[in-house]
């Protein structure tokens, strides 16, 4: 499988979460170009997380909306108390399931095919929630769709913010130089916020290059954000890193040396 050999692929996942995709790209002969477009920061005030930790036994379901939510919340909770054996956890994606398992949490519910809030809401366990108490661990300023829908279904919902997302202060010039030299073949972006950050970080010159570069995104909502910024050549992939990789391989199998 040589479709990606010598290809330079931008990986925009946050630091600490890019290693899996970067490693898989190298295994396929590509050169990953790391350019994080989100910075994950701890909260200055962790008291809300501590308050919920004390009351975990009162909830019927706990939802972690991301890998970051798992890592940041459990880093605060587990040194102070064990996870209640009776409290099932709902999350998105295999990497999140694996992270929970590393923390000793095995009673996990996760959608099999799609990795978004809509997929969570389609789970049988989240359809019949009338009278249930649900805690949602998320980042600052996350989407409200999940909580709003669960409340409409009769649940009592409590959000817990456990990390912040910031736009990094990164120098785009090495990336621009790669584009100028013809050594940047594709960009992967994995969130709508990441699309906006990347677009702002690379400036007008980078935006002009980006409009000529294949852009691989794992969700239609991310593609919509990219189109709203005037981007073209957007390829919507299957979810997760494997979805991105499969689409990259197929794209270059179809396009050869174009």
C-alpha atoms as a PDB file:
ATOM      1  CA  UNK A   1       0.000   0.000   0.000  1.00  0.00           C
ATOM      2  CA  UNK A   2       2.047   2.951  -1.326  1.00  0.00           C
ATOM      3  CA  UNK A   3      -0.683   5.519  -1.961  1.00  0.00           C
ATOM      4  CA  UNK A   4       0.552   7.781   0.863  1.00  0.00           C
ATOM      5  CA  UNK A   5       4.274   7.256   0.352  1.00  0.00           C
ATOM      6  CA  UNK A   6       6.023  10.619   0.439  1.00  0.00           C
ATOM      7  CA  UNK A   7       2.821  12.555   1.071  1.00  0.00           C
ATOM      8  CA  UNK A   8       2.989  15.425   3.562  1.00  0.00           C
ATOM      9  CA  UNK A   9      -0.195  15.434   5.654  1.00  0.00           C
ATOM     10  CA  UNK A  10      -1.061  18.109   8.210  1.00  0.00           C
ATOM     11  CA  UNK A  11      -2.260  16.719  11.552  1.00  0.00           C
ATOM     12  CA  UNK A  12      -4.096  19.347  13.592  1.00  0.00           C
ATOM     13  CA  UNK A  13      -5.115  17.395  16.696  1.00  0.00           C
ATOM     14  CA  UNK A  14      -4.069  18.918  20.048  1.00  0.00           C
ATOM     15  CA  UNK A  15      -0.651  18.043  21.431  1.00  0.00           C
ATOM     16  CA  UNK A  16      -0.906  14.777  23.293  1.00  0.00           C
ATOM     17  CA  UNK A  17      -3.644  13.487  20.987  1.00  0.00           C
ATOM     18  CA  UNK A  18      -1.882  13.538  17.620  1.00  0.00           C
ATOM     19  CA  UNK A  19       0.488  10.599  18.168  1.00  0.00           C
ATOM     20  CA  UNK A  20      -1.849   7.828  16.996  1.00  0.00           C
ATOM     21  CA  UNK A  21      -2.733   9.458  13.672  1.00  0.00           C
ATOM     22  CA  UNK A  22       0.862  10.600  13.109  1.00  0.00           C
ATOM     23  CA  UNK A  23       2.208   7.110  13.772  1.00  0.00           C
ATOM     24  CA  UNK A  24      -0.306   5.473  11.451  1.00  0.00           C
ATOM     25  CA  UNK A  25       0.560   7.964   8.695  1.00  0.00           C
ATOM     26  CA  UNK A  26       4.257   7.142   9.052  1.00  0.00           C
ATOM     27  CA  UNK A  27       3.468   3.432   8.899  1.00  0.00           C
ATOM     28  CA  UNK A  28       1.797   4.106   5.548  1.00  0.00           C
ATOM     29  CA  UNK A  29       4.814   6.012   4.244  1.00  0.00           C
ATOM     30  CA  UNK A  30       3.484   9.543   4.723  1.00  0.00           C
ATOM     31  CA  UNK A  31       5.168  12.396   6.587  1.00  0.00           C
ATOM     32  CA  UNK A  32       2.855  13.887   9.230  1.00  0.00           C
ATOM     33  CA  UNK A  33       3.182  17.637   9.704  1.00  0.00           C
ATOM     34  CA  UNK A  34       2.073  18.477  13.252  1.00  0.00           C
ATOM     35  CA  UNK A  35       0.264  21.796  13.613  1.00  0.00           C
ATOM     36  CA  UNK A  36      -2.095  21.758  16.640  1.00  0.00           C
ATOM     37  CA  UNK A  37      -5.073  24.078  16.257  1.00  0.00           C
ATOM     38  CA  UNK A  38      -6.499  23.565  19.749  1.00  0.00           C
ATOM     39  CA  UNK A  39      -4.742  23.942  23.080  1.00  0.00           C
ATOM     40  CA  UNK A  40      -6.245  22.095  26.018  1.00  0.00           C
ATOM     41  CA  UNK A  41      -5.809  23.855  29.354  1.00  0.00           C
ATOM     42  CA  UNK A  42      -6.693  22.946  32.919  1.00  0.00           C
ATOM     43  CA  UNK A  43      -9.263  25.061  34.709  1.00  0.00           C
ATOM     44  CA  UNK A  44      -8.038  27.544  37.276  1.00  0.00           C
ATOM     45  CA  UNK A  45     -10.969  26.598  39.521  1.00  0.00           C
ATOM     46  CA  UNK A  46     -11.598  22.846  39.863  1.00  0.00           C
ATOM     47  CA  UNK A  47     -14.134  23.239  42.675  1.00  0.00           C
ATOM     48  CA  UNK A  48     -17.167  22.434  40.443  1.00  0.00           C
ATOM     49  CA  UNK A  49     -15.552  19.112  39.497  1.00  0.00           C
ATOM     50  CA  UNK A  50     -14.810  18.382  43.174  1.00  0.00           C
ATOM     51  CA  UNK A  51     -18.398  19.216  44.133  1.00  0.00           C
ATOM     52  CA  UNK A  52     -19.750  16.720  41.590  1.00  0.00           C
ATOM     53  CA  UNK A  53     -17.208  14.103  42.662  1.00  0.00           C
ATOM     54  CA  UNK A  54     -18.760  14.101  46.132  1.00  0.00           C
ATOM     55  CA  UNK A  55     -22.243  13.580  44.625  1.00  0.00           C
ATOM     56  CA  UNK A  56     -21.474  10.994  41.932  1.00  0.00           C
ATOM     57  CA  UNK A  57     -23.556   8.326  43.673  1.00  0.00           C
ATOM     58  CA  UNK A  58     -26.646  10.488  43.173  1.00  0.00           C
ATOM     59  CA  UNK A  59     -26.539  10.247  39.354  1.00  0.00           C
ATOM     60  CA  UNK A  60     -28.006   7.576  37.078  1.00  0.00           C
ATOM     61  CA  UNK A  61     -25.761   8.274  34.069  1.00  0.00           C
ATOM     62  CA  UNK A  62     -22.452  10.051  33.484  1.00  0.00           C
ATOM     63  CA  UNK A  63     -21.556  11.296  30.008  1.00  0.00           C
ATOM     64  CA  UNK A  64     -18.055  12.247  28.863  1.00  0.00           C
ATOM     65  CA  UNK A  65     -18.277  14.093  25.559  1.00  0.00           C
ATOM     66  CA  UNK A  66     -14.587  13.770  24.634  1.00  0.00           C
ATOM     67  CA  UNK A  67     -11.272  12.188  25.470  1.00  0.00           C
ATOM     68  CA  UNK A  68     -10.211  15.487  27.022  1.00  0.00           C
ATOM     69  CA  UNK A  69     -13.234  15.420  29.308  1.00  0.00           C
ATOM     70  CA  UNK A  70     -12.265  11.932  30.485  1.00  0.00           C
ATOM     71  CA  UNK A  71      -8.636  12.789  31.138  1.00  0.00           C
ATOM     72  CA  UNK A  72      -9.247  16.109  32.869  1.00  0.00           C
ATOM     73  CA  UNK A  73     -12.261  15.112  34.981  1.00  0.00           C
ATOM     74  CA  UNK A  74     -10.881  11.782  36.149  1.00  0.00           C
ATOM     75  CA  UNK A  75      -7.496  13.321  36.974  1.00  0.00           C
ATOM     76  CA  UNK A  76      -9.368  15.384  39.541  1.00  0.00           C
ATOM     77  CA  UNK A  77     -11.941  12.816  40.685  1.00  0.00           C
ATOM     78  CA  UNK A  78     -10.112   9.495  40.994  1.00  0.00           C
ATOM     79  CA  UNK A  79      -7.320  10.593  43.359  1.00  0.00           C
ATOM     80  CA  UNK A  80     -10.092  11.582  45.776  1.00  0.00           C
ATOM     81  CA  UNK A  81     -12.601   8.762  45.361  1.00  0.00           C
ATOM     82  CA  UNK A  82     -13.332   5.634  43.345  1.00  0.00           C
ATOM     83  CA  UNK A  83     -15.792   5.649  40.463  1.00  0.00           C
ATOM     84  CA  UNK A  84     -19.167   4.260  41.652  1.00  0.00           C
ATOM     85  CA  UNK A  85     -19.617   0.714  40.352  1.00  0.00           C
ATOM     86  CA  UNK A  86     -23.335   1.388  39.868  1.00  0.00           C
ATOM     87  CA  UNK A  87     -22.827   4.482  37.676  1.00  0.00           C
ATOM     88  CA  UNK A  88     -22.710   3.665  33.935  1.00  0.00           C
ATOM     89  CA  UNK A  89     -20.667   5.896  31.660  1.00  0.00           C
ATOM     90  CA  UNK A  90     -21.653   7.060  28.167  1.00  0.00           C
ATOM     91  CA  UNK A  91     -18.922   8.250  25.801  1.00  0.00           C
ATOM     92  CA  UNK A  92     -17.957   8.603  22.143  1.00  0.00           C
ATOM     93  CA  UNK A  93     -15.303   6.624  20.285  1.00  0.00           C
ATOM     94  CA  UNK A  94     -12.921   3.726  20.820  1.00  0.00           C
ATOM     95  CA  UNK A  95     -10.098   5.902  22.155  1.00  0.00           C
ATOM     96  CA  UNK A  96     -12.426   7.227  24.852  1.00  0.00           C
ATOM     97  CA  UNK A  97     -13.501   3.683  25.728  1.00  0.00           C
ATOM     98  CA  UNK A  98      -9.858   2.685  26.019  1.00  0.00           C
ATOM     99  CA  UNK A  99      -9.089   5.681  28.234  1.00  0.00           C
ATOM    100  CA  UNK A 100     -11.935   4.776  30.574  1.00  0.00           C
ATOM    101  CA  UNK A 101     -10.697   1.185  30.723  1.00  0.00           C
ATOM    102  CA  UNK A 102      -7.241   2.427  31.734  1.00  0.00           C
ATOM    103  CA  UNK A 103      -8.927   4.195  34.639  1.00  0.00           C
ATOM    104  CA  UNK A 104     -10.681   0.974  35.627  1.00  0.00           C
ATOM    105  CA  UNK A 105     -14.118   1.997  34.320  1.00  0.00           C
ATOM    106  CA  UNK A 106     -15.599  -0.868  32.331  1.00  0.00           C
ATOM    107  CA  UNK A 107     -19.350  -0.190  32.457  1.00  0.00           C
ATOM    108  CA  UNK A 108     -19.305   1.922  29.296  1.00  0.00           C
ATOM    109  CA  UNK A 109     -21.983   2.643  26.685  1.00  0.00           C
ATOM    110  CA  UNK A 110     -20.850   4.006  23.310  1.00  0.00           C
ATOM    111  CA  UNK A 111     -22.302   4.280  19.798  1.00  0.00           C
ATOM    112  CA  UNK A 112     -20.751   1.864  17.334  1.00  0.00           C
ATOM    113  CA  UNK A 113     -20.780   3.788  14.053  1.00  0.00           C
ATOM    114  CA  UNK A 114     -21.009   7.570  14.536  1.00  0.00           C
ATOM    115  CA  UNK A 115     -19.014   9.728  16.927  1.00  0.00           C
ATOM    116  CA  UNK A 116     -21.109  12.782  17.789  1.00  0.00           C
ATOM    117  CA  UNK A 117     -23.830  14.025  20.135  1.00  0.00           C
ATOM    118  CA  UNK A 118     -26.531  12.956  17.710  1.00  0.00           C
ATOM    119  CA  UNK A 119     -25.216   9.384  17.847  1.00  0.00           C
ATOM    120  CA  UNK A 120     -25.298   9.474  21.643  1.00  0.00           C
ATOM    121  CA  UNK A 121     -28.892  10.650  21.598  1.00  0.00           C
ATOM    122  CA  UNK A 122     -29.823   7.683  19.396  1.00  0.00           C
ATOM    123  CA  UNK A 123     -28.599   5.216  22.030  1.00  0.00           C
ATOM    124  CA  UNK A 124     -31.458   3.292  23.681  1.00  0.00           C
ATOM    125  CA  UNK A 125     -30.029   4.190  27.090  1.00  0.00           C
ATOM    126  CA  UNK A 126     -30.495   7.908  26.327  1.00  0.00           C
ATOM    127  CA  UNK A 127     -33.952   7.643  24.813  1.00  0.00           C
ATOM    128  CA  UNK A 128     -35.751   6.597  28.000  1.00  0.00           C
ATOM    129  CA  UNK A 129     -34.339   8.991  30.578  1.00  0.00           C
ATOM    130  CA  UNK A 130     -37.473  10.455  32.152  1.00  0.00           C
ATOM    131  CA  UNK A 131     -36.810  10.993  35.840  1.00  0.00           C
ATOM    132  CA  UNK A 132     -33.112  10.135  35.574  1.00  0.00           C
ATOM    133  CA  UNK A 133     -30.244  12.288  36.819  1.00  0.00           C
ATOM    134  CA  UNK A 134     -27.481  12.818  34.256  1.00  0.00           C
ATOM    135  CA  UNK A 135     -24.094  14.515  34.637  1.00  0.00           C
ATOM    136  CA  UNK A 136     -22.252  15.659  31.493  1.00  0.00           C
ATOM    137  CA  UNK A 137     -18.506  16.305  31.617  1.00  0.00           C
ATOM    138  CA  UNK A 138     -17.332  18.617  28.844  1.00  0.00           C
ATOM    139  CA  UNK A 139     -15.056  21.492  27.854  1.00  0.00           C
ATOM    140  CA  UNK A 140     -15.789  25.149  28.329  1.00  0.00           C
ATOM    141  CA  UNK A 141     -18.341  26.423  25.828  1.00  0.00           C
ATOM    142  CA  UNK A 142     -19.403  23.054  24.434  1.00  0.00           C
ATOM    143  CA  UNK A 143     -22.585  22.405  22.448  1.00  0.00           C
ATOM    144  CA  UNK A 144     -25.850  22.329  24.416  1.00  0.00           C
ATOM    145  CA  UNK A 145     -27.688  19.909  22.119  1.00  0.00           C
ATOM    146  CA  UNK A 146     -27.079  16.890  24.337  1.00  0.00           C
ATOM    147  CA  UNK A 147     -28.285  18.432  27.568  1.00  0.00           C
ATOM    148  CA  UNK A 148     -31.198  20.265  25.977  1.00  0.00           C
ATOM    149  CA  UNK A 149     -32.468  17.082  24.329  1.00  0.00           C
ATOM    150  CA  UNK A 150     -32.118  14.987  27.481  1.00  0.00           C
ATOM    151  CA  UNK A 151     -34.012  17.618  29.476  1.00  0.00           C
ATOM    152  CA  UNK A 152     -36.753  17.564  26.842  1.00  0.00           C
ATOM    153  CA  UNK A 153     -36.919  13.798  27.358  1.00  0.00           C
ATOM    154  CA  UNK A 154     -37.504  14.307  31.082  1.00  0.00           C
ATOM    155  CA  UNK A 155     -34.028  13.983  32.563  1.00  0.00           C
ATOM    156  CA  UNK A 156     -32.414  16.259  35.124  1.00  0.00           C
ATOM    157  CA  UNK A 157     -29.099  17.342  33.587  1.00  0.00           C
ATOM    158  CA  UNK A 158     -26.042  18.891  35.197  1.00  0.00           C
ATOM    159  CA  UNK A 159     -23.069  20.101  33.160  1.00  0.00           C
ATOM    160  CA  UNK A 160     -19.546  20.032  34.577  1.00  0.00           C
ATOM    161  CA  UNK A 161     -16.867  22.021  32.756  1.00  0.00           C
ATOM    162  CA  UNK A 162     -13.499  20.336  33.272  1.00  0.00           C
ATOM    163  CA  UNK A 163     -11.124  21.971  30.754  1.00  0.00           C
ATOM    164  CA  UNK A 164     -10.666  24.961  28.466  1.00  0.00           C
ATOM    165  CA  UNK A 165      -9.962  25.038  24.731  1.00  0.00           C
ATOM    166  CA  UNK A 166      -7.785  27.847  23.359  1.00  0.00           C
ATOM    167  CA  UNK A 167      -6.392  28.781  19.968  1.00  0.00           C
ATOM    168  CA  UNK A 168      -2.616  28.209  20.091  1.00  0.00           C
ATOM    169  CA  UNK A 169      -0.138  30.987  19.413  1.00  0.00           C
ATOM    170  CA  UNK A 170       1.834  29.153  16.730  1.00  0.00           C
ATOM    171  CA  UNK A 171       4.122  30.421  13.989  1.00  0.00           C
ATOM    172  CA  UNK A 172       2.544  29.513  10.620  1.00  0.00           C
ATOM    173  CA  UNK A 173       5.626  30.344   8.534  1.00  0.00           C
ATOM    174  CA  UNK A 174       7.102  26.798   8.437  1.00  0.00           C
ATOM    175  CA  UNK A 175       3.716  25.577   7.183  1.00  0.00           C
ATOM    176  CA  UNK A 176       3.537  28.340   4.582  1.00  0.00           C
ATOM    177  CA  UNK A 177       7.063  27.493   3.427  1.00  0.00           C
ATOM    178  CA  UNK A 178       6.029  23.868   2.895  1.00  0.00           C
ATOM    179  CA  UNK A 179       3.066  24.987   0.805  1.00  0.00           C
ATOM    180  CA  UNK A 180       5.313  27.312  -1.226  1.00  0.00           C
ATOM    181  CA  UNK A 181       7.758  24.470  -1.859  1.00  0.00           C
ATOM    182  CA  UNK A 182       5.005  22.053  -2.911  1.00  0.00           C
ATOM    183  CA  UNK A 183       5.599  19.864   0.140  1.00  0.00           C
ATOM    184  CA  UNK A 184       2.154  19.936   1.712  1.00  0.00           C
ATOM    185  CA  UNK A 185      -0.373  17.579   0.167  1.00  0.00           C
ATOM    186  CA  UNK A 186      -3.399  17.451   2.467  1.00  0.00           C
ATOM    187  CA  UNK A 187      -4.844  18.797   5.707  1.00  0.00           C
ATOM    188  CA  UNK A 188      -6.865  16.909   8.318  1.00  0.00           C
ATOM    189  CA  UNK A 189      -9.199  18.834  10.634  1.00  0.00           C
ATOM    190  CA  UNK A 190     -11.294  17.122  13.287  1.00  0.00           C
ATOM    191  CA  UNK A 191     -13.555  19.810  14.780  1.00  0.00           C
ATOM    192  CA  UNK A 192     -15.467  22.876  13.643  1.00  0.00           C
ATOM    193  CA  UNK A 193     -13.599  25.002  16.163  1.00  0.00           C
ATOM    194  CA  UNK A 194     -10.353  23.622  14.775  1.00  0.00           C
ATOM    195  CA  UNK A 195     -11.370  24.697  11.267  1.00  0.00           C
ATOM    196  CA  UNK A 196     -11.969  28.249  12.461  1.00  0.00           C
ATOM    197  CA  UNK A 197      -8.711  28.349  14.409  1.00  0.00           C
ATOM    198  CA  UNK A 198      -6.630  26.932  11.552  1.00  0.00           C
ATOM    199  CA  UNK A 199      -8.136  29.397   9.086  1.00  0.00           C
ATOM    200  CA  UNK A 200      -7.263  32.312  11.393  1.00  0.00           C
ATOM    201  CA  UNK A 201      -3.791  31.016  12.303  1.00  0.00           C
ATOM    202  CA  UNK A 202      -2.493  30.667   8.732  1.00  0.00           C
ATOM    203  CA  UNK A 203      -3.485  34.173   7.596  1.00  0.00           C
ATOM    204  CA  UNK A 204      -4.432  35.341   4.106  1.00  0.00           C
ATOM    205  CA  UNK A 205      -1.551  33.607   2.307  1.00  0.00           C
ATOM    206  CA  UNK A 206      -2.225  30.296   4.031  1.00  0.00           C
ATOM    207  CA  UNK A 207      -5.936  30.612   3.351  1.00  0.00           C
ATOM    208  CA  UNK A 208      -5.215  30.975  -0.361  1.00  0.00           C
ATOM    209  CA  UNK A 209      -3.090  27.803  -0.278  1.00  0.00           C
ATOM    210  CA  UNK A 210      -5.686  25.971   1.800  1.00  0.00           C
ATOM    211  CA  UNK A 211      -8.351  26.612  -0.821  1.00  0.00           C
ATOM    212  CA  UNK A 212      -6.210  24.596  -3.269  1.00  0.00           C
ATOM    213  CA  UNK A 213      -5.435  21.755  -0.839  1.00  0.00           C
ATOM    214  CA  UNK A 214      -7.545  18.637  -0.171  1.00  0.00           C
ATOM    215  CA  UNK A 215      -9.141  18.924   3.257  1.00  0.00           C
ATOM    216  CA  UNK A 216     -10.172  15.746   5.085  1.00  0.00           C
ATOM    217  CA  UNK A 217     -12.774  16.024   7.861  1.00  0.00           C
ATOM    218  CA  UNK A 218     -14.581  13.217   9.750  1.00  0.00           C
ATOM    219  CA  UNK A 219     -17.999  14.847  10.065  1.00  0.00           C
ATOM    220  CA  UNK A 220     -20.462  16.711   7.832  1.00  0.00           C
ATOM    221  CA  UNK A 221     -20.790  19.483  10.427  1.00  0.00           C
ATOM    222  CA  UNK A 222     -17.049  20.192  10.138  1.00  0.00           C
ATOM    223  CA  UNK A 223     -17.372  20.254   6.352  1.00  0.00           C
ATOM    224  CA  UNK A 224     -20.195  22.796   6.646  1.00  0.00           C
ATOM    225  CA  UNK A 225     -17.929  25.059   8.713  1.00  0.00           C
ATOM    226  CA  UNK A 226     -15.161  24.746   6.132  1.00  0.00           C
ATOM    227  CA  UNK A 227     -17.533  25.617   3.291  1.00  0.00           C
ATOM    228  CA  UNK A 228     -18.782  28.634   5.243  1.00  0.00           C
ATOM    229  CA  UNK A 229     -15.195  29.920   5.164  1.00  0.00           C
ATOM    230  CA  UNK A 230     -15.046  29.477   1.389  1.00  0.00           C
ATOM    231  CA  UNK A 231     -12.953  26.304   1.367  1.00  0.00           C
ATOM    232  CA  UNK A 232     -13.204  23.748  -1.401  1.00  0.00           C
ATOM    233  CA  UNK A 233     -11.917  20.239  -2.058  1.00  0.00           C
ATOM    234  CA  UNK A 234     -13.449  18.948   1.184  1.00  0.00           C
ATOM    235  CA  UNK A 235     -13.576  15.179   1.677  1.00  0.00           C
ATOM    236  CA  UNK A 236     -15.904  13.935   4.419  1.00  0.00           C
ATOM    237  CA  UNK A 237     -14.509  10.708   5.853  1.00  0.00           C
ATOM    238  CA  UNK A 238     -15.721   7.969   8.149  1.00  0.00           C
ATOM    239  CA  UNK A 239     -15.265   8.732  11.872  1.00  0.00           C
ATOM    240  CA  UNK A 240     -11.996   8.670  13.764  1.00  0.00           C
ATOM    241  CA  UNK A 241      -8.382   8.324  12.710  1.00  0.00           C
ATOM    242  CA  UNK A 242      -9.059   5.148  10.749  1.00  0.00           C
ATOM    243  CA  UNK A 243     -11.750   6.949   8.773  1.00  0.00           C
ATOM    244  CA  UNK A 244      -9.315   9.744   7.927  1.00  0.00           C
ATOM    245  CA  UNK A 245      -6.622   7.260   6.911  1.00  0.00           C
ATOM    246  CA  UNK A 246      -8.929   5.193   4.729  1.00  0.00           C
ATOM    247  CA  UNK A 247     -10.118   8.318   2.899  1.00  0.00           C
ATOM    248  CA  UNK A 248      -6.561   9.571   2.386  1.00  0.00           C
ATOM    249  CA  UNK A 249      -5.489   6.231   0.940  1.00  0.00           C
ATOM    250  CA  UNK A 250      -8.523   6.094  -1.356  1.00  0.00           C
ATOM    251  CA  UNK A 251      -8.073   9.699  -2.494  1.00  0.00           C
ATOM    252  CA  UNK A 252      -4.476   9.192  -3.560  1.00  0.00           C
ATOM    253  CA  UNK A 253      -5.261   5.801  -5.085  1.00  0.00           C
ATOM    254  CA  UNK A 254      -7.786   7.614  -7.287  1.00  0.00           C
ATOM    255  CA  UNK A 255      -5.657  10.697  -7.994  1.00  0.00           C
ATOM    256  CA  UNK A 256      -2.244   9.119  -8.400  1.00  0.00           C
ATOM    257  CA  UNK A 257       0.429  11.802  -8.665  1.00  0.00           C
ATOM    258  CA  UNK A 258      -2.009  14.680  -9.248  1.00  0.00           C
END
